[in-house]
Protein backbone atom coordinates (compact mmCIF):
# COMPACT_ATOMS: atom_id res chain seq x y z
CA MET A 1 72.17 16.76 24.83
CA MET A 2 68.80 17.07 26.61
CA THR A 3 68.35 15.70 30.11
CA THR A 4 66.50 12.45 30.77
CA SER A 5 64.04 13.95 33.28
CA PRO A 6 60.42 12.77 32.96
CA CYS A 7 58.49 14.36 30.11
CA LYS A 8 56.27 17.08 31.56
CA LEU A 9 54.64 18.35 28.40
CA SER A 10 54.36 16.87 24.93
CA VAL A 11 53.21 18.76 21.82
CA ASN A 12 52.40 16.49 18.88
CA ALA A 13 51.90 17.79 15.30
CA VAL A 14 50.06 20.88 16.54
CA SER A 15 48.70 23.44 14.08
CA LYS A 16 46.59 26.51 14.78
CA TYR A 17 44.43 28.30 12.22
CA TYR A 18 42.33 31.45 12.51
CA ASP A 19 39.57 31.67 9.89
CA GLY A 20 41.53 29.36 7.63
CA THR A 21 44.81 31.28 8.01
CA PRO A 22 47.65 29.22 9.53
CA VAL A 23 49.50 30.77 12.47
CA LEU A 24 51.34 27.66 13.64
CA GLU A 25 52.04 24.47 11.67
CA ARG A 26 53.38 21.05 12.63
CA VAL A 27 54.78 21.98 16.03
CA ASP A 28 56.38 19.03 17.83
CA LEU A 29 57.99 19.35 21.23
CA ASP A 30 58.77 17.27 24.33
CA VAL A 31 59.74 19.19 27.45
CA GLU A 32 61.21 17.60 30.56
CA ALA A 33 60.05 18.50 34.05
CA GLY A 34 61.92 21.48 35.50
CA ALA A 35 63.01 22.95 32.15
CA PHE A 36 63.15 26.72 31.62
CA CYS A 37 62.16 27.21 27.98
CA THR A 38 62.64 30.69 26.55
CA ILE A 39 60.75 31.43 23.33
CA VAL A 40 61.79 33.97 20.71
CA GLY A 41 60.73 34.78 17.16
CA ALA A 42 59.52 37.51 14.85
CA SER A 43 56.34 39.42 15.73
CA GLY A 44 53.22 37.59 14.67
CA CYS A 45 54.79 34.13 14.47
CA GLY A 46 52.51 32.53 17.05
CA LYS A 47 54.58 32.69 20.27
CA SER A 48 51.73 34.06 22.40
CA THR A 49 49.25 31.78 20.64
CA PHE A 50 51.43 28.84 21.66
CA LEU A 51 51.35 29.99 25.32
CA ARG A 52 47.57 30.40 25.20
CA MET A 53 47.25 26.83 23.93
CA LEU A 54 49.45 25.57 26.79
CA LEU A 55 47.09 27.41 29.16
CA SER A 56 43.99 25.96 27.39
CA GLN A 57 42.79 29.49 26.69
CA GLU A 58 42.94 28.41 23.03
CA HIS A 59 42.92 24.94 21.47
CA PRO A 60 44.88 23.42 18.59
CA THR A 61 43.15 23.17 15.23
CA ARG A 62 45.08 19.93 14.68
CA GLY A 63 47.33 17.80 16.84
CA THR A 64 47.43 17.16 20.57
CA ILE A 65 49.07 18.53 23.71
CA GLN A 66 49.66 16.29 26.71
CA LEU A 67 50.53 17.22 30.28
CA ASP A 68 52.06 14.50 32.46
CA GLY A 69 50.98 11.89 29.91
CA ASN A 70 47.32 13.00 29.80
CA ASP A 71 45.49 15.18 27.31
CA LEU A 72 45.60 18.84 28.28
CA PRO A 73 42.38 19.89 30.05
CA GLU A 74 39.90 21.84 27.94
CA GLU A 75 40.02 24.83 30.32
CA PRO A 76 42.74 26.55 32.39
CA THR A 77 43.52 24.77 35.65
CA PRO A 78 45.40 25.82 38.81
CA ASP A 79 48.46 23.74 37.87
CA ARG A 80 49.28 26.26 35.10
CA GLY A 81 49.94 29.88 36.08
CA ILE A 82 50.42 32.77 33.67
CA VAL A 83 51.97 36.25 33.85
CA PHE A 84 51.40 38.86 31.14
CA GLN A 85 53.43 41.95 30.27
CA LYS A 86 50.55 44.16 31.38
CA TYR A 87 50.10 43.77 35.10
CA SER A 88 46.97 41.67 35.67
CA VAL A 89 46.21 42.83 39.20
CA PHE A 90 43.06 44.23 40.80
CA THR A 91 43.64 47.92 41.47
CA HIS A 92 40.95 48.22 44.18
CA LEU A 93 42.57 45.51 46.31
CA THR A 94 45.75 45.63 48.38
CA VAL A 95 48.68 43.34 47.65
CA ALA A 96 47.53 40.87 50.30
CA GLU A 97 43.89 41.04 49.16
CA ASN A 98 44.96 40.32 45.58
CA LEU A 99 46.75 37.20 46.75
CA ILE A 100 43.92 35.76 48.86
CA LEU A 101 41.23 36.48 46.24
CA ALA A 102 41.44 33.03 44.65
CA GLN A 103 40.99 31.37 48.02
CA GLU A 104 38.06 33.67 48.80
CA PHE A 105 36.25 32.65 45.61
CA GLN A 106 37.03 28.99 46.22
CA THR A 107 35.95 28.97 49.87
CA SER A 108 33.02 31.37 49.73
CA ARG A 109 31.40 30.83 46.33
CA LEU A 110 28.35 33.01 47.04
CA ALA A 111 29.88 36.03 48.80
CA GLY A 112 33.34 35.78 47.24
CA LYS A 113 34.70 37.14 50.50
CA LEU A 114 36.25 35.77 53.67
CA PHE A 115 35.66 37.24 57.11
CA GLY A 116 37.00 36.91 60.62
CA SER A 117 39.19 33.92 61.42
CA GLN A 118 38.93 32.53 57.86
CA LYS A 119 40.36 35.75 56.42
CA GLN A 120 43.11 35.87 59.02
CA ALA A 121 44.05 32.28 58.20
CA ALA A 122 44.17 33.10 54.48
CA LEU A 123 46.37 36.13 55.12
CA SER A 124 48.66 33.99 57.27
CA ASP A 125 48.96 31.41 54.48
CA ILE A 126 50.42 33.96 52.04
CA GLY A 127 53.14 35.14 54.42
CA ASP A 128 55.80 32.84 52.99
CA LEU A 129 54.97 33.81 49.40
CA LEU A 130 55.12 37.51 50.25
CA GLU A 131 58.54 36.93 51.77
CA ARG A 132 59.78 34.97 48.74
CA ILE A 133 58.54 37.58 46.29
CA GLY A 134 59.90 40.52 48.29
CA LEU A 135 56.56 42.19 49.06
CA SER A 136 56.15 41.64 52.80
CA ALA A 137 56.58 45.34 53.57
CA ALA A 138 54.04 46.28 50.88
CA ALA A 139 51.27 43.83 51.84
CA ASP A 140 48.81 46.63 52.71
CA ARG A 141 49.55 48.85 49.72
CA TYR A 142 47.40 49.21 46.62
CA PRO A 143 48.87 48.55 43.15
CA ALA A 144 48.89 52.27 42.33
CA GLN A 145 51.27 52.76 45.25
CA LEU A 146 53.76 50.24 43.85
CA SER A 147 56.57 50.70 41.33
CA GLY A 148 56.44 48.84 38.02
CA GLY A 149 58.81 46.20 39.30
CA MET A 150 56.77 45.68 42.47
CA GLN A 151 53.55 45.41 40.45
CA GLN A 152 55.13 42.70 38.33
CA ARG A 153 56.28 40.92 41.48
CA LEU A 154 52.64 40.94 42.57
CA ALA A 155 51.54 39.53 39.20
CA ILE A 156 54.09 36.71 39.55
CA ALA A 157 52.91 36.05 43.11
CA GLN A 158 49.32 35.79 41.83
CA ALA A 159 50.41 33.19 39.30
CA LEU A 160 52.20 31.18 42.01
CA ILE A 161 49.47 31.30 44.65
CA LYS A 162 47.96 27.94 43.60
CA LYS A 163 51.44 26.36 43.37
CA PRO A 164 51.40 25.54 39.65
CA SER A 165 53.80 23.02 38.17
CA ILE A 166 53.98 25.05 34.94
CA LEU A 167 54.50 28.82 34.77
CA LEU A 168 53.78 30.65 31.51
CA LEU A 169 55.30 34.11 31.00
CA ASP A 170 54.35 36.36 28.07
CA GLU A 171 57.00 39.09 27.86
CA PRO A 172 56.71 39.74 31.60
CA PHE A 173 59.60 42.22 31.81
CA GLY A 174 59.20 44.06 28.50
CA ALA A 175 57.88 47.26 30.08
CA LEU A 176 60.45 47.45 32.89
CA ASP A 177 63.58 49.57 33.08
CA PRO A 178 66.86 47.69 32.52
CA GLY A 179 67.95 47.84 36.16
CA ILE A 180 64.61 46.54 37.40
CA ARG A 181 64.66 43.79 34.78
CA VAL A 182 67.95 42.49 36.17
CA ASP A 183 66.40 42.29 39.64
CA MET A 184 63.37 40.47 38.22
CA HIS A 185 65.66 38.01 36.43
CA GLU A 186 67.28 37.08 39.74
CA LEU A 187 63.89 36.78 41.43
CA LEU A 188 62.52 34.53 38.70
CA LEU A 189 65.59 32.28 38.65
CA ASN A 190 65.50 31.91 42.43
CA LEU A 191 61.80 30.99 42.37
CA TRP A 192 62.38 28.52 39.56
CA ARG A 193 65.20 26.80 41.45
CA GLU A 194 63.32 26.73 44.76
CA LEU A 195 59.94 25.57 43.44
CA GLY A 196 61.10 23.25 40.64
CA MET A 197 58.59 24.59 38.13
CA THR A 198 58.63 24.06 34.37
CA ILE A 199 58.68 27.51 32.74
CA PHE A 200 57.81 28.75 29.26
CA MET A 201 58.74 32.40 28.72
CA VAL A 202 58.16 34.48 25.59
CA THR A 203 60.59 37.36 25.12
CA HIS A 204 61.72 39.69 22.35
CA ASP A 205 65.10 40.11 24.06
CA ILE A 206 67.40 37.42 22.67
CA HIS A 207 70.04 38.10 25.33
CA GLU A 208 67.42 37.68 28.06
CA ALA A 209 66.43 34.36 26.45
CA PHE A 210 70.01 33.08 26.57
CA LYS A 211 70.56 34.34 30.10
CA LEU A 212 67.49 32.76 31.69
CA GLY A 213 66.70 29.63 29.73
CA THR A 214 67.94 26.07 29.88
CA ARG A 215 66.39 25.59 26.45
CA LEU A 216 65.80 28.08 23.63
CA LEU A 217 62.87 27.64 21.21
CA VAL A 218 62.84 29.78 18.07
CA PHE A 219 59.53 30.18 16.24
CA ASP A 220 59.74 31.18 12.58
CA LYS A 221 58.32 30.38 9.16
CA ILE A 222 60.29 27.92 7.04
CA ARG A 223 58.08 28.41 3.99
CA HIS A 224 57.36 31.78 2.38
CA ASP A 225 55.20 32.81 -0.58
CA PRO A 226 55.79 36.48 -1.57
CA GLN A 227 52.41 36.49 -3.31
CA ALA A 228 50.61 35.12 -0.27
CA PRO A 229 52.58 36.01 2.89
CA GLU A 230 49.94 34.46 5.19
CA ALA A 231 49.79 31.15 3.33
CA PHE A 232 52.08 29.37 5.79
CA GLY A 233 52.39 29.31 9.56
CA ALA A 234 55.41 29.24 11.82
CA THR A 235 56.96 26.28 13.58
CA ILE A 236 59.94 25.61 15.88
CA THR A 237 63.01 26.12 13.72
CA TYR A 238 65.61 25.90 16.51
CA ASP A 239 65.47 23.90 19.72
CA LEU A 240 68.73 24.59 21.54
CA PRO A 241 69.90 23.29 24.93
CA LEU A 242 71.44 26.14 26.94
CA GLU A 243 72.39 24.33 30.14
CA ALA A 244 76.08 24.12 29.22
CA PRO A 245 76.74 26.40 26.23
CA GLU A 246 80.11 25.92 24.61
CA ILE A 247 82.55 28.78 24.78
CA SER A 248 84.15 28.78 21.37
CA ASP A 249 84.08 30.59 18.07
CA LYS A 250 81.57 28.06 16.78
CA ALA A 251 79.16 28.27 19.70
CA VAL A 252 75.72 29.68 18.97
CA LYS A 253 75.47 33.29 20.11
CA PRO A 254 72.37 35.46 20.64
CA ASP A 255 73.24 37.64 17.66
CA ASP A 256 73.46 34.55 15.43
CA ILE A 257 69.88 33.63 16.23
CA ALA A 258 68.67 37.23 15.98
CA GLU A 259 70.06 37.53 12.45
CA THR A 260 68.10 34.50 11.21
CA ILE A 261 64.68 35.26 12.74
CA GLY A 262 62.26 36.30 10.07
CA THR A 263 64.57 35.55 7.13
CA GLY A 264 63.01 32.18 6.33
CA ASP A 265 66.50 30.66 6.11
CA TYR A 266 66.64 29.05 9.53
CA ARG A 267 69.94 27.31 8.83
CA LYS A 268 71.69 30.51 7.84
CA SER A 269 75.13 31.12 9.35
CA VAL A 270 74.48 29.20 12.56
CA ASN A 271 76.41 26.04 13.34
CA ILE A 272 73.63 23.79 14.61
CA SER A 273 73.82 20.10 14.01
CA GLN A 274 70.16 19.22 14.47
CA PRO A 275 67.68 22.03 13.89
CA ASN A 276 64.06 21.00 14.21
CA PRO A 277 63.02 20.03 10.67
CA SER A 278 59.29 20.67 11.19
């Protein structure tokens, strides 16, 4: 049973087409504030497209998306941060300079640079975030001097610098070694608990999805035409609460979900009482 927290984000009958080809169809979703939604599905089923629409980098062809009861803004806003698998950091800037860049552009629109006491104040403001993210000792290093895990920490810190209420993650740990991924899982969970964000995270690792999420969304096609494989788009075929998973032979397991993704038979072998019928 889902919690009764206020609805943070509402997706209503959303479809997305590219040049007449459907990628997503009839997506309906209400997400409570503070949820950690992990998103899985076969390659090409619209998971990243869905994140880009939540960011306003793309817009639905049909349907509406609302944030806090209002229509989603037409363009990305500071209240929605995003982290990609490929580290989106500026290589010519130090860790600290990467983190104050947004404030520099906002404060000094012409020069795009802060100097003197203004720069010192900006650097002081990021001290707490550097400590939270575990990069205090690396504040003066350049990205090329950081490990993969530390670079991804920096990318997460960039996304958090404007204190967003929603954090979007597109396979953020896919390129990391297993041991580093475990550390990043702990970091992300700690940040989520401390900051109370609502998180949407795309992953191809079904076990990672079960480990991190409070809610699992599976994107897949429910209609297939062998003669026209692109005739239909994907939708949410499973919407599973993971806050208190049952420990029994009938409980849904990661391998159960993995076996059904891409088969078109989204009810196959999994004991789920109310799969999303969209």
